């Protein structure tokens, strides 16, 4: 499922976007770029004023920290929960990523190999 990636920068929260690499970057087809600080996506999806309302949590933020948000996953999780409650079932879910609250765990795979992440 598609995820939105947000990164804390010196100017505030930005959305990480993919752009076509400039002509001079011959070995890359695409590169990461940033949205404007506090763009529409940042305000609507991350909603940092609410999400980081807790001063202790906000004080832990460092430039470069990232958060991935997948709104569709909430809909899917709710559907699974409803189904499991009807059949008295259970779910074992495993997540991956670094042992750090704000990290980059998005990976691209092409031809059964990881794509270089810049």
PDB file of N, CA and C in Angstrom:
ATOM      1  N   UNK A   1       0.837  -1.179   0.000  1.00  0.00           N
ATOM      2  CA  UNK A   1       0.000   0.000   0.000  1.00  0.00           C
ATOM      3  C   UNK A   1       0.884   1.245   0.000  1.00  0.00           C
ATOM      4  N   UNK A   2       0.451   2.279  -0.681  1.00  0.00           N
ATOM      5  CA  UNK A   2       1.268   3.499  -0.740  1.00  0.00           C
ATOM      6  C   UNK A   2       1.343   4.183   0.617  1.00  0.00           C
ATOM      7  N   UNK A   3       2.497   4.731   0.881  1.00  0.00           N
ATOM      8  CA  UNK A   3       2.719   5.438   2.139  1.00  0.00           C
ATOM      9  C   UNK A   3       3.199   6.852   1.843  1.00  0.00           C
ATOM     10  N   UNK A   4       2.831   7.760   2.706  1.00  0.00           N
ATOM     11  CA  UNK A   4       3.354   9.116   2.653  1.00  0.00           C
ATOM     12  C   UNK A   4       4.554   9.158   3.586  1.00  0.00           C
ATOM     13  N   UNK A   5       5.622   9.803   3.161  1.00  0.00           N
ATOM     14  CA  UNK A   5       6.820   9.930   3.991  1.00  0.00           C
ATOM     15  C   UNK A   5       6.992  11.399   4.342  1.00  0.00           C
ATOM     16  N   UNK A   6       7.118  11.661   5.628  1.00  0.00           N
ATOM     17  CA  UNK A   6       7.320  13.019   6.104  1.00  0.00           C
ATOM     18  C   UNK A   6       8.655  13.078   6.835  1.00  0.00           C
ATOM     19  N   UNK A   7       9.379  14.174   6.630  1.00  0.00           N
ATOM     20  CA  UNK A   7      10.703  14.335   7.254  1.00  0.00           C
ATOM     21  C   UNK A   7      10.732  15.670   7.988  1.00  0.00           C
ATOM     22  N   UNK A   8      11.321  15.621   9.184  1.00  0.00           N
ATOM     23  CA  UNK A   8      11.478  16.839   9.961  1.00  0.00           C
ATOM     24  C   UNK A   8      12.737  17.559   9.475  1.00  0.00           C
ATOM     25  N   UNK A   9      12.579  18.804   9.028  1.00  0.00           N
ATOM     26  CA  UNK A   9      13.703  19.570   8.497  1.00  0.00           C
ATOM     27  C   UNK A   9      13.945  20.804   9.365  1.00  0.00           C
ATOM     28  N   UNK A  10      14.957  21.558   9.019  1.00  0.00           N
ATOM     29  CA  UNK A  10      15.248  22.790   9.755  1.00  0.00           C
ATOM     30  C   UNK A  10      14.106  23.797   9.647  1.00  0.00           C
ATOM     31  N   UNK A  11      13.292  23.657   8.588  1.00  0.00           N
ATOM     32  CA  UNK A  11      12.176  24.576   8.374  1.00  0.00           C
ATOM     33  C   UNK A  11      10.852  24.028   8.887  1.00  0.00           C
ATOM     34  N   UNK A  12      10.847  22.787   9.376  1.00  0.00           N
ATOM     35  CA  UNK A  12       9.627  22.135   9.837  1.00  0.00           C
ATOM     36  C   UNK A  12       9.387  20.866   9.045  1.00  0.00           C
ATOM     37  N   UNK A  13       8.171  20.342   9.105  1.00  0.00           N
ATOM     38  CA  UNK A  13       7.831  19.093   8.438  1.00  0.00           C
ATOM     39  C   UNK A  13       7.673  19.301   6.939  1.00  0.00           C
ATOM     40  N   UNK A  14       8.253  18.384   6.152  1.00  0.00           N
ATOM     41  CA  UNK A  14       8.106  18.368   4.705  1.00  0.00           C
ATOM     42  C   UNK A  14       7.705  16.963   4.274  1.00  0.00           C
ATOM     43  N   UNK A  15       7.077  16.855   3.118  1.00  0.00           N
ATOM     44  CA  UNK A  15       6.773  15.540   2.557  1.00  0.00           C
ATOM     45  C   UNK A  15       7.908  15.158   1.621  1.00  0.00           C
ATOM     46  N   UNK A  16       8.360  13.900   1.710  1.00  0.00           N
ATOM     47  CA  UNK A  16       9.389  13.389   0.799  1.00  0.00           C
ATOM     48  C   UNK A  16       8.684  12.998  -0.494  1.00  0.00           C
ATOM     49  N   UNK A  17       9.184  13.490  -1.601  1.00  0.00           N
ATOM     50  CA  UNK A  17       8.610  13.225  -2.914  1.00  0.00           C
ATOM     51  C   UNK A  17       9.678  12.639  -3.825  1.00  0.00           C
ATOM     52  N   UNK A  18       9.238  11.999  -4.888  1.00  0.00           N
ATOM     53  CA  UNK A  18      10.158  11.445  -5.881  1.00  0.00           C
ATOM     54  C   UNK A  18      10.095  12.319  -7.123  1.00  0.00           C
ATOM     55  N   UNK A  19      11.261  12.619  -7.665  1.00  0.00           N
ATOM     56  CA  UNK A  19      11.341  13.457  -8.857  1.00  0.00           C
ATOM     57  C   UNK A  19      12.280  12.803  -9.858  1.00  0.00           C
ATOM     58  N   UNK A  20      12.158  13.185 -11.087  1.00  0.00           N
ATOM     59  CA  UNK A  20      13.074  12.692 -12.121  1.00  0.00           C
ATOM     60  C   UNK A  20      14.451  13.295 -11.857  1.00  0.00           C
ATOM     61  N   UNK A  21      15.480  12.467 -11.956  1.00  0.00           N
ATOM     62  CA  UNK A  21      16.843  12.930 -11.703  1.00  0.00           C
ATOM     63  C   UNK A  21      17.262  13.938 -12.777  1.00  0.00           C
ATOM     64  N   UNK A  22      18.074  14.920 -12.393  1.00  0.00           N
ATOM     65  CA  UNK A  22      18.561  15.872 -13.393  1.00  0.00           C
ATOM     66  C   UNK A  22      19.480  15.177 -14.401  1.00  0.00           C
ATOM     67  N   UNK A  23      19.654  15.793 -15.545  1.00  0.00           N
ATOM     68  CA  UNK A  23      20.480  15.221 -16.622  1.00  0.00           C
ATOM     69  C   UNK A  23      21.887  14.853 -16.150  1.00  0.00           C
ATOM     70  N   UNK A  24      22.435  15.615 -15.203  1.00  0.00           N
ATOM     71  CA  UNK A  24      23.811  15.374 -14.761  1.00  0.00           C
ATOM     72  C   UNK A  24      23.961  14.095 -13.937  1.00  0.00           C
ATOM     73  N   UNK A  25      22.870  13.582 -13.403  1.00  0.00           N
ATOM     74  CA  UNK A  25      22.905  12.358 -12.583  1.00  0.00           C
ATOM     75  C   UNK A  25      22.643  11.155 -13.490  1.00  0.00           C
ATOM     76  N   UNK A  26      23.616  10.784 -14.274  1.00  0.00           N
ATOM     77  CA  UNK A  26      23.471   9.727 -15.286  1.00  0.00           C
ATOM     78  C   UNK A  26      23.139   8.365 -14.690  1.00  0.00           C
ATOM     79  N   UNK A  27      23.607   8.084 -13.462  1.00  0.00           N
ATOM     80  CA  UNK A  27      23.401   6.763 -12.871  1.00  0.00           C
ATOM     81  C   UNK A  27      22.071   6.637 -12.123  1.00  0.00           C
ATOM     82  N   UNK A  28      21.278   7.717 -12.069  1.00  0.00           N
ATOM     83  CA  UNK A  28      20.003   7.700 -11.348  1.00  0.00           C
ATOM     84  C   UNK A  28      18.854   8.076 -12.277  1.00  0.00           C
ATOM     85  N   UNK A  29      17.729   7.391 -12.116  1.00  0.00           N
ATOM     86  CA  UNK A  29      16.526   7.774 -12.847  1.00  0.00           C
ATOM     87  C   UNK A  29      15.665   8.715 -12.014  1.00  0.00           C
ATOM     88  N   UNK A  30      15.653   8.477 -10.693  1.00  0.00           N
ATOM     89  CA  UNK A  30      14.817   9.263  -9.794  1.00  0.00           C
ATOM     90  C   UNK A  30      15.612   9.679  -8.562  1.00  0.00           C
ATOM     91  N   UNK A  31      15.189  10.768  -7.943  1.00  0.00           N
ATOM     92  CA  UNK A  31      15.829  11.266  -6.724  1.00  0.00           C
ATOM     93  C   UNK A  31      14.745  11.703  -5.748  1.00  0.00           C
ATOM     94  N   UNK A  32      15.106  11.736  -4.460  1.00  0.00           N
ATOM     95  CA  UNK A  32      14.198  12.267  -3.445  1.00  0.00           C
ATOM     96  C   UNK A  32      14.236  13.782  -3.511  1.00  0.00           C
ATOM     97  N   UNK A  33      13.088  14.395  -3.278  1.00  0.00           N
ATOM     98  CA  UNK A  33      12.989  15.846  -3.158  1.00  0.00           C
ATOM     99  C   UNK A  33      11.993  16.137  -2.044  1.00  0.00           C
ATOM    100  N   UNK A  34      11.940  17.366  -1.600  1.00  0.00           N
ATOM    101  CA  UNK A  34      11.039  17.737  -0.499  1.00  0.00           C
ATOM    102  C   UNK A  34       9.955  18.694  -0.966  1.00  0.00           C
ATOM    103  N   UNK A  35       8.790  18.578  -0.347  1.00  0.00           N
ATOM    104  CA  UNK A  35       7.728  19.556  -0.567  1.00  0.00           C
ATOM    105  C   UNK A  35       8.109  20.834   0.173  1.00  0.00           C
ATOM    106  N   UNK A  36       7.284  21.844   0.006  1.00  0.00           N
ATOM    107  CA  UNK A  36       7.439  23.054   0.803  1.00  0.00           C
ATOM    108  C   UNK A  36       7.118  22.706   2.261  1.00  0.00           C
ATOM    109  N   UNK A  37       7.734  23.380   3.235  1.00  0.00           N
ATOM    110  CA  UNK A  37       7.398  23.117   4.642  1.00  0.00           C
ATOM    111  C   UNK A  37       5.905  23.333   4.899  1.00  0.00           C
ATOM    112  N   UNK A  38       5.331  22.465   5.677  1.00  0.00           N
ATOM    113  CA  UNK A  38       3.925  22.516   6.065  1.00  0.00           C
ATOM    114  C   UNK A  38       2.996  22.631   4.847  1.00  0.00           C
ATOM    115  N   UNK A  39       3.263  21.789   3.853  1.00  0.00           N
ATOM    116  CA  UNK A  39       2.415  21.724   2.661  1.00  0.00           C
ATOM    117  C   UNK A  39       1.034  21.187   3.020  1.00  0.00           C
ATOM    118  N   UNK A  40       0.154  21.159   2.034  1.00  0.00           N
ATOM    119  CA  UNK A  40      -1.207  20.672   2.246  1.00  0.00           C
ATOM    120  C   UNK A  40      -1.198  19.236   2.778  1.00  0.00           C
ATOM    121  N   UNK A  41      -0.337  18.367   2.210  1.00  0.00           N
ATOM    122  CA  UNK A  41      -0.248  16.971   2.672  1.00  0.00           C
ATOM    123  C   UNK A  41       0.245  16.890   4.108  1.00  0.00           C
ATOM    124  N   UNK A  42       1.225  17.719   4.438  1.00  0.00           N
ATOM    125  CA  UNK A  42       1.746  17.722   5.810  1.00  0.00           C
ATOM    126  C   UNK A  42       0.629  18.093   6.780  1.00  0.00           C
ATOM    127  N   UNK A  43      -0.113  19.139   6.462  1.00  0.00           N
ATOM    128  CA  UNK A  43      -1.184  19.600   7.355  1.00  0.00           C
ATOM    129  C   UNK A  43      -2.321  18.590   7.456  1.00  0.00           C
ATOM    130  N   UNK A  44      -2.706  18.013   6.305  1.00  0.00           N
ATOM    131  CA  UNK A  44      -3.887  17.150   6.276  1.00  0.00           C
ATOM    132  C   UNK A  44      -3.609  15.722   6.755  1.00  0.00           C
ATOM    133  N   UNK A  45      -2.470  15.154   6.364  1.00  0.00           N
ATOM    134  CA  UNK A  45      -2.198  13.746   6.676  1.00  0.00           C
ATOM    135  C   UNK A  45      -1.389  13.590   7.962  1.00  0.00           C
ATOM    136  N   UNK A  46      -0.275  14.299   8.083  1.00  0.00           N
ATOM    137  CA  UNK A  46       0.539  14.197   9.306  1.00  0.00           C
ATOM    138  C   UNK A  46      -0.113  14.980  10.442  1.00  0.00           C
ATOM    139  N   UNK A  47      -0.612  16.162  10.141  1.00  0.00           N
ATOM    140  CA  UNK A  47      -1.260  17.018  11.133  1.00  0.00           C
ATOM    141  C   UNK A  47      -0.369  17.187  12.372  1.00  0.00           C
ATOM    142  N   UNK A  48       0.831  17.766  12.181  1.00  0.00           N
ATOM    143  CA  UNK A  48       1.802  17.829  13.283  1.00  0.00           C
ATOM    144  C   UNK A  48       1.344  18.618  14.498  1.00  0.00           C
ATOM    145  N   UNK A  49       0.464  19.587  14.308  1.00  0.00           N
ATOM    146  CA  UNK A  49      -0.005  20.359  15.466  1.00  0.00           C
ATOM    147  C   UNK A  49      -0.753  19.475  16.459  1.00  0.00           C
ATOM    148  N   UNK A  50      -1.426  18.455  15.948  1.00  0.00           N
ATOM    149  CA  UNK A  50      -2.154  17.521  16.812  1.00  0.00           C
ATOM    150  C   UNK A  50      -1.252  16.339  17.186  1.00  0.00           C
ATOM    151  N   UNK A  51      -0.568  15.772  16.190  1.00  0.00           N
ATOM    152  CA  UNK A  51       0.252  14.580  16.413  1.00  0.00           C
ATOM    153  C   UNK A  51       1.377  14.837  17.410  1.00  0.00           C
ATOM    154  N   UNK A  52       1.973  16.028  17.345  1.00  0.00           N
ATOM    155  CA  UNK A  52       3.090  16.358  18.240  1.00  0.00           C
ATOM    156  C   UNK A  52       2.675  17.382  19.293  1.00  0.00           C
ATOM    157  N   UNK A  53       1.432  17.289  19.719  1.00  0.00           N
ATOM    158  CA  UNK A  53       0.924  18.172  20.763  1.00  0.00           C
ATOM    159  C   UNK A  53       1.690  17.949  22.076  1.00  0.00           C
ATOM    160  N   UNK A  54       2.083  16.691  22.328  1.00  0.00           N
ATOM    161  CA  UNK A  54       2.836  16.331  23.534  1.00  0.00           C
ATOM    162  C   UNK A  54       4.235  16.957  23.453  1.00  0.00           C
ATOM    163  N   UNK A  55       4.550  17.842  24.394  1.00  0.00           N
ATOM    164  CA  UNK A  55       5.830  18.553  24.378  1.00  0.00           C
ATOM    165  C   UNK A  55       7.027  17.606  24.503  1.00  0.00           C
ATOM    166  N   UNK A  56       6.877  16.521  25.255  1.00  0.00           N
ATOM    167  CA  UNK A  56       7.984  15.570  25.410  1.00  0.00           C
ATOM    168  C   UNK A  56       8.289  14.889  24.077  1.00  0.00           C
ATOM    169  N   UNK A  57       7.251  14.461  23.385  1.00  0.00           N
ATOM    170  CA  UNK A  57       7.439  13.837  22.074  1.00  0.00           C
ATOM    171  C   UNK A  57       8.046  14.831  21.098  1.00  0.00           C
ATOM    172  N   UNK A  58       7.538  16.051  21.098  1.00  0.00           N
ATOM    173  CA  UNK A  58       8.046  17.085  20.193  1.00  0.00           C
ATOM    174  C   UNK A  58       9.514  17.390  20.482  1.00  0.00           C
ATOM    175  N   UNK A  59       9.922  17.332  21.728  1.00  0.00           N
ATOM    176  CA  UNK A  59      11.309  17.640  22.088  1.00  0.00           C
ATOM    177  C   UNK A  59      12.286  16.570  21.609  1.00  0.00           C
ATOM    178  N   UNK A  60      11.780  15.395  21.280  1.00  0.00           N
ATOM    179  CA  UNK A  60      12.641  14.307  20.799  1.00  0.00           C
ATOM    180  C   UNK A  60      12.936  14.396  19.304  1.00  0.00           C
ATOM    181  N   UNK A  61      12.230  15.273  18.592  1.00  0.00           N
ATOM    182  CA  UNK A  61      12.422  15.389  17.149  1.00  0.00           C
ATOM    183  C   UNK A  61      13.796  15.940  16.805  1.00  0.00           C
ATOM    184  N   UNK A  62      14.408  15.349  15.792  1.00  0.00           N
ATOM    185  CA  UNK A  62      15.699  15.795  15.280  1.00  0.00           C
ATOM    186  C   UNK A  62      15.585  15.979  13.769  1.00  0.00           C
ATOM    187  N   UNK A  63      16.321  16.939  13.216  1.00  0.00           N
ATOM    188  CA  UNK A  63      16.342  17.122  11.773  1.00  0.00           C
ATOM    189  C   UNK A  63      16.728  15.802  11.116  1.00  0.00           C
ATOM    190  N   UNK A  64      15.944  15.392  10.132  1.00  0.00           N
ATOM    191  CA  UNK A  64      16.186  14.123   9.431  1.00  0.00           C
ATOM    192  C   UNK A  64      15.273  12.994   9.891  1.00  0.00           C
ATOM    193  N   UNK A  65      14.586  13.173  11.032  1.00  0.00           N
ATOM    194  CA  UNK A  65      13.647  12.146  11.486  1.00  0.00           C
ATOM    195  C   UNK A  65      12.522  12.015  10.477  1.00  0.00           C
ATOM    196  N   UNK A  66      12.080  10.768  10.251  1.00  0.00           N
ATOM    197  CA  UNK A  66      11.043  10.508   9.249  1.00  0.00           C
ATOM    198  C   UNK A  66       9.913   9.683   9.839  1.00  0.00           C
ATOM    199  N   UNK A  67       8.723   9.909   9.279  1.00  0.00           N
ATOM    200  CA  UNK A  67       7.538   9.139   9.641  1.00  0.00           C
ATOM    201  C   UNK A  67       6.843   8.722   8.351  1.00  0.00           C
ATOM    202  N   UNK A  68       6.455   7.463   8.282  1.00  0.00           N
ATOM    203  CA  UNK A  68       5.683   6.967   7.148  1.00  0.00           C
ATOM    204  C   UNK A  68       4.243   6.763   7.615  1.00  0.00           C
ATOM    205  N   UNK A  69       3.304   7.275   6.846  1.00  0.00           N
ATOM    206  CA  UNK A  69       1.886   7.131   7.178  1.00  0.00           C
ATOM    207  C   UNK A  69       1.159   6.562   5.970  1.00  0.00           C
ATOM    208  N   UNK A  70       0.380   5.528   6.226  1.00  0.00           N
ATOM    209  CA  UNK A  70      -0.412   4.893   5.174  1.00  0.00           C
ATOM    210  C   UNK A  70      -1.877   4.929   5.593  1.00  0.00           C
ATOM    211  N   UNK A  71      -2.619   5.978   5.178  1.00  0.00           N
ATOM    212  CA  UNK A  71      -4.019   6.085   5.593  1.00  0.00           C
ATOM    213  C   UNK A  71      -4.856   4.864   5.219  1.00  0.00           C
ATOM    214  N   UNK A  72      -4.591   4.250   4.082  1.00  0.00           N
ATOM    215  CA  UNK A  72      -5.373   3.082   3.649  1.00  0.00           C
ATOM    216  C   UNK A  72      -5.183   1.905   4.601  1.00  0.00           C
ATOM    217  N   UNK A  73      -4.044   1.845   5.289  1.00  0.00           N
ATOM    218  CA  UNK A  73      -3.808   0.730   6.207  1.00  0.00           C
ATOM    219  C   UNK A  73      -4.787   0.758   7.381  1.00  0.00           C
ATOM    220  N   UNK A  74      -5.235   1.945   7.772  1.00  0.00           N
ATOM    221  CA  UNK A  74      -6.208   2.053   8.855  1.00  0.00           C
ATOM    222  C   UNK A  74      -7.548   1.456   8.439  1.00  0.00           C
ATOM    223  N   UNK A  75      -7.938   1.698   7.192  1.00  0.00           N
ATOM    224  CA  UNK A  75      -9.182   1.133   6.666  1.00  0.00           C
ATOM    225  C   UNK A  75      -9.065  -0.387   6.604  1.00  0.00           C
ATOM    226  N   UNK A  76      -7.923  -0.869   6.098  1.00  0.00           N
ATOM    227  CA  UNK A  76      -7.699  -2.310   6.007  1.00  0.00           C
ATOM    228  C   UNK A  76      -7.690  -2.958   7.396  1.00  0.00           C
ATOM    229  N   UNK A  77      -7.004  -2.346   8.346  1.00  0.00           N
ATOM    230  CA  UNK A  77      -6.943  -2.902   9.704  1.00  0.00           C
ATOM    231  C   UNK A  77      -8.331  -2.971  10.327  1.00  0.00           C
ATOM    232  N   UNK A  78      -9.142  -1.957  10.097  1.00  0.00           N
ATOM    233  CA  UNK A  78     -10.507  -1.960  10.628  1.00  0.00           C
ATOM    234  C   UNK A  78     -11.330  -3.090  10.005  1.00  0.00           C
ATOM    235  N   UNK A  79     -11.187  -3.291   8.700  1.00  0.00           N
ATOM    236  CA  UNK A  79     -11.910  -4.373   8.017  1.00  0.00           C
ATOM    237  C   UNK A  79     -11.491  -5.738   8.549  1.00  0.00           C
ATOM    238  N   UNK A  80     -10.200  -5.922   8.761  1.00  0.00           N
ATOM    239  CA  UNK A  80      -9.696  -7.192   9.300  1.00  0.00           C
ATOM    240  C   UNK A  80     -10.233  -7.412  10.712  1.00  0.00           C
ATOM    241  N   UNK A  81     -10.226  -6.350  11.524  1.00  0.00           N
ATOM    242  CA  UNK A  81     -10.727  -6.466  12.896  1.00  0.00           C
ATOM    243  C   UNK A  81     -12.205  -6.861  12.912  1.00  0.00           C
ATOM    244  N   UNK A  82     -12.992  -6.268  12.028  1.00  0.00           N
ATOM    245  CA  UNK A  82     -14.411  -6.611  11.958  1.00  0.00           C
ATOM    246  C   UNK A  82     -14.601  -8.072  11.562  1.00  0.00           C
ATOM    247  N   UNK A  83     -13.833  -8.523  10.581  1.00  0.00           N
ATOM    248  CA  UNK A  83     -13.920  -9.916  10.150  1.00  0.00           C
ATOM    249  C   UNK A  83     -13.513 -10.864  11.274  1.00  0.00           C
ATOM    250  N   UNK A  84     -12.417 -10.565  11.952  1.00  0.00           N
ATOM    251  CA  UNK A  84     -11.943 -11.428  13.037  1.00  0.00           C
ATOM    252  C   UNK A  84     -12.942 -11.495  14.185  1.00  0.00           C
ATOM    253  N   UNK A  85     -13.616 -10.389  14.457  1.00  0.00           N
ATOM    254  CA  UNK A  85     -14.600 -10.410  15.548  1.00  0.00           C
ATOM    255  C   UNK A  85     -15.803 -11.289  15.185  1.00  0.00           C
ATOM    256  N   UNK A  86     -16.128 -11.376  13.914  1.00  0.00           N
ATOM    257  CA  UNK A  86     -17.263 -12.200  13.473  1.00  0.00           C
ATOM    258  C   UNK A  86     -16.956 -13.692  13.530  1.00  0.00           C
ATOM    259  N   UNK A  87     -15.694 -14.052  13.321  1.00  0.00           N
ATOM    260  CA  UNK A  87     -15.333 -15.477  13.279  1.00  0.00           C
ATOM    261  C   UNK A  87     -14.536 -15.901  14.520  1.00  0.00           C
ATOM    262  N   UNK A  88     -14.459 -15.005  15.505  1.00  0.00           N
ATOM    263  CA  UNK A  88     -13.703 -15.278  16.725  1.00  0.00           C
ATOM    264  C   UNK A  88     -12.269 -15.672  16.386  1.00  0.00           C
ATOM    265  N   UNK A  89     -11.661 -14.900  15.469  1.00  0.00           N
ATOM    266  CA  UNK A  89     -10.309 -15.211  14.992  1.00  0.00           C
ATOM    267  C   UNK A  89      -9.243 -14.395  15.681  1.00  0.00           C
ATOM    268  N   UNK A  90      -8.034 -14.564  15.188  1.00  0.00           N
ATOM    269  CA  UNK A  90      -6.877 -13.844  15.731  1.00  0.00           C
ATOM    270  C   UNK A  90      -5.964 -13.459  14.579  1.00  0.00           C
ATOM    271  N   UNK A  91      -5.083 -12.536  14.823  1.00  0.00           N
ATOM    272  CA  UNK A  91      -4.156 -12.057  13.806  1.00  0.00           C
ATOM    273  C   UNK A  91      -2.779 -11.894  14.422  1.00  0.00           C
ATOM    274  N   UNK A  92      -1.782 -12.359  13.722  1.00  0.00           N
ATOM    275  CA  UNK A  92      -0.392 -12.095  14.094  1.00  0.00           C
ATOM    276  C   UNK A  92       0.150 -11.163  13.027  1.00  0.00           C
ATOM    277  N   UNK A  93       0.503  -9.944  13.405  1.00  0.00           N
ATOM    278  CA  UNK A  93       1.039  -8.965  12.467  1.00  0.00           C
ATOM    279  C   UNK A  93       2.488  -8.675  12.818  1.00  0.00           C
ATOM    280  N   UNK A  94       3.325  -8.618  11.810  1.00  0.00           N
ATOM    281  CA  UNK A  94       4.747  -8.345  12.006  1.00  0.00           C
ATOM    282  C   UNK A  94       5.109  -7.095  11.211  1.00  0.00           C
ATOM    283  N   UNK A  95       5.753  -6.166  11.849  1.00  0.00           N
ATOM    284  CA  UNK A  95       6.213  -4.951  11.186  1.00  0.00           C
ATOM    285  C   UNK A  95       7.733  -5.006  11.137  1.00  0.00           C
ATOM    286  N   UNK A  96       8.311  -4.289  10.229  1.00  0.00           N
ATOM    287  CA  UNK A  96       9.760  -4.275  10.098  1.00  0.00           C
ATOM    288  C   UNK A  96      10.249  -2.845  10.274  1.00  0.00           C
ATOM    289  N   UNK A  97      11.530  -2.679  10.362  1.00  0.00           N
ATOM    290  CA  UNK A  97      12.102  -1.336  10.440  1.00  0.00           C
ATOM    291  C   UNK A  97      13.089  -1.246  11.583  1.00  0.00           C
ATOM    292  N   UNK A  98      13.752  -0.120  11.622  1.00  0.00           N
ATOM    293  CA  UNK A  98      14.760   0.122  12.651  1.00  0.00           C
ATOM    294  C   UNK A  98      14.091   0.292  14.006  1.00  0.00           C
ATOM    295  N   UNK A  99      14.850   0.062  15.063  1.00  0.00           N
ATOM    296  CA  UNK A  99      14.343   0.237  16.414  1.00  0.00           C
ATOM    297  C   UNK A  99      14.480   1.714  16.795  1.00  0.00           C
ATOM    298  N   UNK A 100      13.778   2.557  16.057  1.00  0.00           N
ATOM    299  CA  UNK A 100      13.838   3.998  16.259  1.00  0.00           C
ATOM    300  C   UNK A 100      12.486   4.545  15.839  1.00  0.00           C
ATOM    301  N   UNK A 101      11.924   5.403  16.634  1.00  0.00           N
ATOM    302  CA  UNK A 101      10.564   5.892  16.357  1.00  0.00           C
ATOM    303  C   UNK A 101      10.460   6.627  15.031  1.00  0.00           C
ATOM    304  N   UNK A 102      11.473   7.358  14.660  1.00  0.00           N
ATOM    305  CA  UNK A 102      11.411   8.158  13.438  1.00  0.00           C
ATOM    306  C   UNK A 102      12.536   7.729  12.509  1.00  0.00           C
ATOM    307  N   UNK A 103      12.247   6.807  11.606  1.00  0.00           N
ATOM    308  CA  UNK A 103      13.298   6.326  10.709  1.00  0.00           C
ATOM    309  C   UNK A 103      12.736   6.118   9.314  1.00  0.00           C
ATOM    310  N   UNK A 104      13.616   5.763   8.394  1.00  0.00           N
ATOM    311  CA  UNK A 104      13.249   5.541   6.998  1.00  0.00           C
ATOM    312  C   UNK A 104      13.260   4.049   6.723  1.00  0.00           C
ATOM    313  N   UNK A 105      12.076   3.452   6.607  1.00  0.00           N
ATOM    314  CA  UNK A 105      12.043   2.014   6.336  1.00  0.00           C
ATOM    315  C   UNK A 105      11.425   1.719   4.967  1.00  0.00           C
ATOM    316  N   UNK A 106      11.196   2.761   4.154  1.00  0.00           N
ATOM    317  CA  UNK A 106      10.674   2.539   2.818  1.00  0.00           C
ATOM    318  C   UNK A 106      11.788   1.997   1.936  1.00  0.00           C
ATOM    319  N   UNK A 107      11.516   0.916   1.231  1.00  0.00           N
ATOM    320  CA  UNK A 107      12.512   0.310   0.359  1.00  0.00           C
ATOM    321  C   UNK A 107      11.905   0.084  -1.011  1.00  0.00           C
ATOM    322  N   UNK A 108      12.718   0.251  -2.036  1.00  0.00           N
ATOM    323  CA  UNK A 108      12.298  -0.058  -3.396  1.00  0.00           C
ATOM    324  C   UNK A 108      13.016  -1.304  -3.864  1.00  0.00           C
ATOM    325  N   UNK A 109      12.301  -2.173  -4.561  1.00  0.00           N
ATOM    326  CA  UNK A 109      12.897  -3.409  -5.063  1.00  0.00           C
ATOM    327  C   UNK A 109      12.602  -3.504  -6.553  1.00  0.00           C
ATOM    328  N   UNK A 110      13.616  -3.790  -7.329  1.00  0.00           N
ATOM    329  CA  UNK A 110      13.465  -3.973  -8.770  1.00  0.00           C
ATOM    330  C   UNK A 110      14.371  -5.117  -9.195  1.00  0.00           C
ATOM    331  N   UNK A 111      13.838  -6.061  -9.936  1.00  0.00           N
ATOM    332  CA  UNK A 111      14.652  -7.199 -10.371  1.00  0.00           C
ATOM    333  C   UNK A 111      15.199  -8.007  -9.212  1.00  0.00           C
ATOM    334  N   UNK A 112      14.437  -8.120  -8.138  1.00  0.00           N
ATOM    335  CA  UNK A 112      14.808  -8.877  -6.935  1.00  0.00           C
ATOM    336  C   UNK A 112      16.022  -8.282  -6.219  1.00  0.00           C
ATOM    337  N   UNK A 113      16.301  -6.996  -6.447  1.00  0.00           N
ATOM    338  CA  UNK A 113      17.398  -6.315  -5.754  1.00  0.00           C
ATOM    339  C   UNK A 113      16.885  -4.988  -5.229  1.00  0.00           C
ATOM    340  N   UNK A 114      17.455  -4.544  -4.096  1.00  0.00           N
ATOM    341  CA  UNK A 114      17.067  -3.253  -3.546  1.00  0.00           C
ATOM    342  C   UNK A 114      17.543  -2.144  -4.480  1.00  0.00           C
ATOM    343  N   UNK A 115      16.688  -1.152  -4.666  1.00  0.00           N
ATOM    344  CA  UNK A 115      17.010   0.015  -5.480  1.00  0.00           C
ATOM    345  C   UNK A 115      17.777   0.991  -4.602  1.00  0.00           C
ATOM    346  N   UNK A 116      18.774   1.619  -5.148  1.00  0.00           N
ATOM    347  CA  UNK A 116      19.579   2.570  -4.397  1.00  0.00           C
ATOM    348  C   UNK A 116      18.694   3.695  -3.866  1.00  0.00           C
ATOM    349  N   UNK A 117      18.806   4.005  -2.580  1.00  0.00           N
ATOM    350  CA  UNK A 117      17.983   5.001  -1.913  1.00  0.00           C
ATOM    351  C   UNK A 117      18.848   6.209  -1.610  1.00  0.00           C
ATOM    352  N   UNK A 118      18.515   7.355  -2.198  1.00  0.00           N
ATOM    353  CA  UNK A 118      19.280   8.585  -1.917  1.00  0.00           C
ATOM    354  C   UNK A 118      18.495   9.505  -1.064  1.00  0.00           C
TER     355      UNK A 118
END
